[in-house]
Amino acid sequence: MVEGKPAGKGAPTTRVGNREAETLINSAECQEHADHYKRLSGAGGISQNRAALLKNIARTYVGLAGQLDRLASLARNEQR
């Protein structure tokens, strides 16, 4: 889809996928969040369900950190 034009109308000028993305969160921040949620999951006095959810959130942040690293690497390689 071309920004500002209906799909299929006119020549493409700017594609969302080709624009430089604004970095909202980086890999290091994701790892910090992952560490935080992992610590929370080990806190005493919480249910097993809450602990499992917090561990899952931590794993999600670790996965996102990896994806952001791969995206940054791809962007560097595409600029060469």
N, C-alpha and C. Protein backbone atom coordinates (compact mmCIF):
# COMPACT_ATOMS: atom_id res chain seq x y z
N MET A 1 0.84 -1.18 0.00
CA MET A 1 0.00 0.00 0.00
C MET A 1 0.88 1.24 0.00
N VAL A 2 0.54 2.18 -0.78
CA VAL A 2 1.26 3.44 -0.85
C VAL A 2 0.66 4.38 0.18
N GLU A 3 1.54 5.02 0.92
CA GLU A 3 1.07 5.92 1.96
C GLU A 3 0.27 7.06 1.35
N GLY A 4 -0.91 7.28 1.86
CA GLY A 4 -1.74 8.39 1.41
C GLY A 4 -2.52 8.12 0.14
N LYS A 5 -2.42 6.91 -0.42
CA LYS A 5 -3.16 6.56 -1.63
C LYS A 5 -3.85 5.23 -1.42
N PRO A 6 -5.03 5.05 -1.98
CA PRO A 6 -5.68 3.75 -1.89
C PRO A 6 -4.85 2.68 -2.61
N ALA A 7 -4.96 1.45 -2.14
CA ALA A 7 -4.22 0.35 -2.75
C ALA A 7 -4.55 0.25 -4.23
N GLY A 8 -3.53 0.06 -5.05
CA GLY A 8 -3.72 -0.12 -6.48
C GLY A 8 -3.89 1.17 -7.26
N LYS A 9 -3.80 2.31 -6.65
CA LYS A 9 -3.99 3.59 -7.33
C LYS A 9 -2.65 4.33 -7.41
N GLY A 10 -2.19 4.63 -8.58
CA GLY A 10 -0.98 5.44 -8.74
C GLY A 10 0.29 4.64 -8.54
N ALA A 11 1.39 5.26 -8.89
CA ALA A 11 2.70 4.61 -8.77
C ALA A 11 3.16 4.67 -7.32
N PRO A 12 3.76 3.57 -6.85
CA PRO A 12 4.25 3.59 -5.47
C PRO A 12 5.38 4.61 -5.32
N THR A 13 5.31 5.38 -4.26
CA THR A 13 6.37 6.34 -3.99
C THR A 13 7.07 6.03 -2.67
N THR A 14 6.33 5.66 -1.67
CA THR A 14 6.90 5.33 -0.36
C THR A 14 6.20 4.09 0.16
N ARG A 15 6.98 3.11 0.48
CA ARG A 15 6.41 1.91 1.08
C ARG A 15 6.78 1.87 2.55
N VAL A 16 5.84 1.52 3.36
CA VAL A 16 6.06 1.51 4.80
C VAL A 16 7.23 0.59 5.15
N GLY A 17 7.33 -0.56 4.51
CA GLY A 17 8.38 -1.52 4.81
C GLY A 17 9.77 -1.04 4.43
N ASN A 18 9.88 -0.03 3.60
CA ASN A 18 11.18 0.45 3.17
C ASN A 18 11.63 1.69 3.93
N ARG A 19 10.76 2.25 4.73
CA ARG A 19 11.12 3.41 5.53
C ARG A 19 11.96 2.97 6.72
N GLU A 20 12.82 3.87 7.19
CA GLU A 20 13.55 3.57 8.41
C GLU A 20 12.57 3.64 9.56
N ALA A 21 12.57 2.61 10.36
CA ALA A 21 11.65 2.55 11.49
C ALA A 21 12.22 3.32 12.67
N GLU A 22 11.35 4.02 13.35
CA GLU A 22 11.75 4.69 14.58
C GLU A 22 11.90 3.62 15.65
N THR A 23 13.02 3.62 16.34
CA THR A 23 13.25 2.62 17.38
C THR A 23 12.52 3.03 18.64
N LEU A 24 11.55 2.24 19.03
CA LEU A 24 10.78 2.51 20.23
C LEU A 24 11.41 1.83 21.44
N ILE A 25 12.00 0.69 21.23
CA ILE A 25 12.67 -0.06 22.30
C ILE A 25 13.83 -0.78 21.64
N ASN A 26 14.93 -0.90 22.35
CA ASN A 26 16.08 -1.59 21.76
C ASN A 26 16.33 -2.91 22.48
N SER A 27 17.29 -3.64 21.98
CA SER A 27 17.59 -4.97 22.49
C SER A 27 17.98 -4.95 23.96
N ALA A 28 18.80 -3.99 24.35
CA ALA A 28 19.24 -3.90 25.74
C ALA A 28 18.06 -3.63 26.68
N GLU A 29 17.15 -2.77 26.25
CA GLU A 29 15.97 -2.48 27.06
C GLU A 29 15.09 -3.72 27.19
N CYS A 30 14.98 -4.48 26.11
CA CYS A 30 14.20 -5.72 26.17
C CYS A 30 14.81 -6.68 27.18
N GLN A 31 16.15 -6.77 27.18
CA GLN A 31 16.81 -7.67 28.12
C GLN A 31 16.60 -7.20 29.56
N GLU A 32 16.61 -5.88 29.77
CA GLU A 32 16.33 -5.35 31.11
C GLU A 32 14.92 -5.72 31.56
N HIS A 33 13.96 -5.58 30.65
CA HIS A 33 12.58 -5.96 30.98
C HIS A 33 12.50 -7.45 31.27
N ALA A 34 13.19 -8.25 30.47
CA ALA A 34 13.18 -9.70 30.67
C ALA A 34 13.72 -10.05 32.05
N ASP A 35 14.84 -9.42 32.42
CA ASP A 35 15.42 -9.68 33.74
C ASP A 35 14.45 -9.27 34.86
N HIS A 36 13.79 -8.15 34.67
CA HIS A 36 12.84 -7.66 35.67
C HIS A 36 11.69 -8.67 35.86
N TYR A 37 11.11 -9.12 34.76
CA TYR A 37 9.98 -10.05 34.87
C TYR A 37 10.43 -11.41 35.39
N LYS A 38 11.65 -11.80 35.08
CA LYS A 38 12.15 -13.07 35.61
C LYS A 38 12.31 -12.96 37.13
N ARG A 39 12.84 -11.82 37.60
CA ARG A 39 12.96 -11.62 39.05
C ARG A 39 11.58 -11.64 39.71
N LEU A 40 10.62 -10.97 39.08
CA LEU A 40 9.27 -10.96 39.65
C LEU A 40 8.69 -12.37 39.73
N SER A 41 9.01 -13.19 38.76
CA SER A 41 8.45 -14.55 38.74
C SER A 41 8.97 -15.40 39.89
N GLY A 42 10.13 -15.01 40.42
CA GLY A 42 10.71 -15.77 41.52
C GLY A 42 10.36 -15.23 42.89
N ALA A 43 9.56 -14.19 42.93
CA ALA A 43 9.18 -13.58 44.21
C ALA A 43 8.30 -14.54 45.00
N GLY A 44 8.46 -14.50 46.29
CA GLY A 44 7.65 -15.35 47.15
C GLY A 44 6.23 -14.80 47.26
N GLY A 45 5.32 -15.68 47.59
CA GLY A 45 3.95 -15.26 47.86
C GLY A 45 3.10 -15.01 46.63
N ILE A 46 3.54 -15.48 45.46
CA ILE A 46 2.69 -15.33 44.27
C ILE A 46 2.26 -16.72 43.81
N SER A 47 1.16 -16.74 43.12
CA SER A 47 0.62 -18.02 42.66
C SER A 47 1.49 -18.61 41.54
N GLN A 48 1.34 -19.90 41.34
CA GLN A 48 2.07 -20.56 40.25
C GLN A 48 1.64 -19.99 38.90
N ASN A 49 0.37 -19.66 38.76
CA ASN A 49 -0.13 -19.09 37.51
C ASN A 49 0.53 -17.75 37.23
N ARG A 50 0.62 -16.89 38.26
CA ARG A 50 1.25 -15.59 38.09
C ARG A 50 2.74 -15.77 37.75
N ALA A 51 3.41 -16.67 38.45
CA ALA A 51 4.83 -16.92 38.18
C ALA A 51 5.03 -17.40 36.74
N ALA A 52 4.17 -18.28 36.28
CA ALA A 52 4.28 -18.79 34.91
C ALA A 52 4.08 -17.68 33.89
N LEU A 53 3.09 -16.82 34.13
CA LEU A 53 2.84 -15.70 33.22
C LEU A 53 4.04 -14.74 33.19
N LEU A 54 4.59 -14.45 34.35
CA LEU A 54 5.75 -13.55 34.41
C LEU A 54 6.95 -14.15 33.68
N LYS A 55 7.15 -15.47 33.82
CA LYS A 55 8.24 -16.14 33.09
C LYS A 55 7.99 -16.07 31.59
N ASN A 56 6.75 -16.25 31.18
CA ASN A 56 6.42 -16.16 29.75
C ASN A 56 6.68 -14.76 29.21
N ILE A 57 6.34 -13.75 30.00
CA ILE A 57 6.62 -12.37 29.58
C ILE A 57 8.13 -12.17 29.43
N ALA A 58 8.89 -12.68 30.39
CA ALA A 58 10.36 -12.58 30.32
C ALA A 58 10.88 -13.24 29.04
N ARG A 59 10.39 -14.43 28.73
CA ARG A 59 10.83 -15.13 27.51
C ARG A 59 10.44 -14.35 26.25
N THR A 60 9.29 -13.72 26.30
CA THR A 60 8.85 -12.91 25.16
C THR A 60 9.81 -11.75 24.93
N TYR A 61 10.21 -11.09 26.00
CA TYR A 61 11.17 -9.98 25.87
C TYR A 61 12.52 -10.47 25.35
N VAL A 62 12.96 -11.64 25.79
CA VAL A 62 14.22 -12.20 25.29
C VAL A 62 14.10 -12.45 23.79
N GLY A 63 12.97 -13.01 23.36
CA GLY A 63 12.75 -13.25 21.93
C GLY A 63 12.72 -11.96 21.14
N LEU A 64 12.06 -10.94 21.67
CA LEU A 64 12.01 -9.65 21.00
C LEU A 64 13.40 -9.05 20.89
N ALA A 65 14.21 -9.17 21.93
CA ALA A 65 15.58 -8.66 21.89
C ALA A 65 16.35 -9.32 20.74
N GLY A 66 16.18 -10.62 20.58
CA GLY A 66 16.85 -11.32 19.49
C GLY A 66 16.37 -10.85 18.13
N GLN A 67 15.07 -10.64 17.99
CA GLN A 67 14.52 -10.17 16.72
C GLN A 67 15.02 -8.77 16.40
N LEU A 68 15.09 -7.91 17.40
CA LEU A 68 15.59 -6.55 17.17
C LEU A 68 17.06 -6.56 16.77
N ASP A 69 17.85 -7.46 17.38
CA ASP A 69 19.26 -7.61 16.97
C ASP A 69 19.36 -8.05 15.52
N ARG A 70 18.54 -9.02 15.14
CA ARG A 70 18.56 -9.51 13.75
C ARG A 70 18.12 -8.42 12.79
N LEU A 71 17.11 -7.65 13.18
CA LEU A 71 16.64 -6.55 12.33
C LEU A 71 17.72 -5.50 12.14
N ALA A 72 18.42 -5.16 13.21
CA ALA A 72 19.50 -4.17 13.13
C ALA A 72 20.62 -4.68 12.22
N SER A 73 20.94 -5.96 12.34
CA SER A 73 21.97 -6.55 11.50
C SER A 73 21.56 -6.53 10.03
N LEU A 74 20.31 -6.88 9.77
CA LEU A 74 19.79 -6.86 8.40
C LEU A 74 19.84 -5.45 7.83
N ALA A 75 19.44 -4.47 8.61
CA ALA A 75 19.46 -3.09 8.15
C ALA A 75 20.88 -2.65 7.81
N ARG A 76 21.84 -3.03 8.66
CA ARG A 76 23.25 -2.68 8.37
C ARG A 76 23.71 -3.33 7.07
N ASN A 77 23.37 -4.60 6.89
CA ASN A 77 23.79 -5.32 5.68
C ASN A 77 23.13 -4.75 4.44
N GLU A 78 21.91 -4.30 4.54
CA GLU A 78 21.20 -3.74 3.37
C GLU A 78 21.75 -2.38 2.97
N GLN A 79 22.42 -1.68 3.89
CA GLN A 79 22.97 -0.37 3.58
C GLN A 79 24.31 -0.46 2.87
N ARG A 80 24.88 -1.64 2.83
CA ARG A 80 26.21 -1.82 2.18
C ARG A 80 26.10 -1.84 0.69
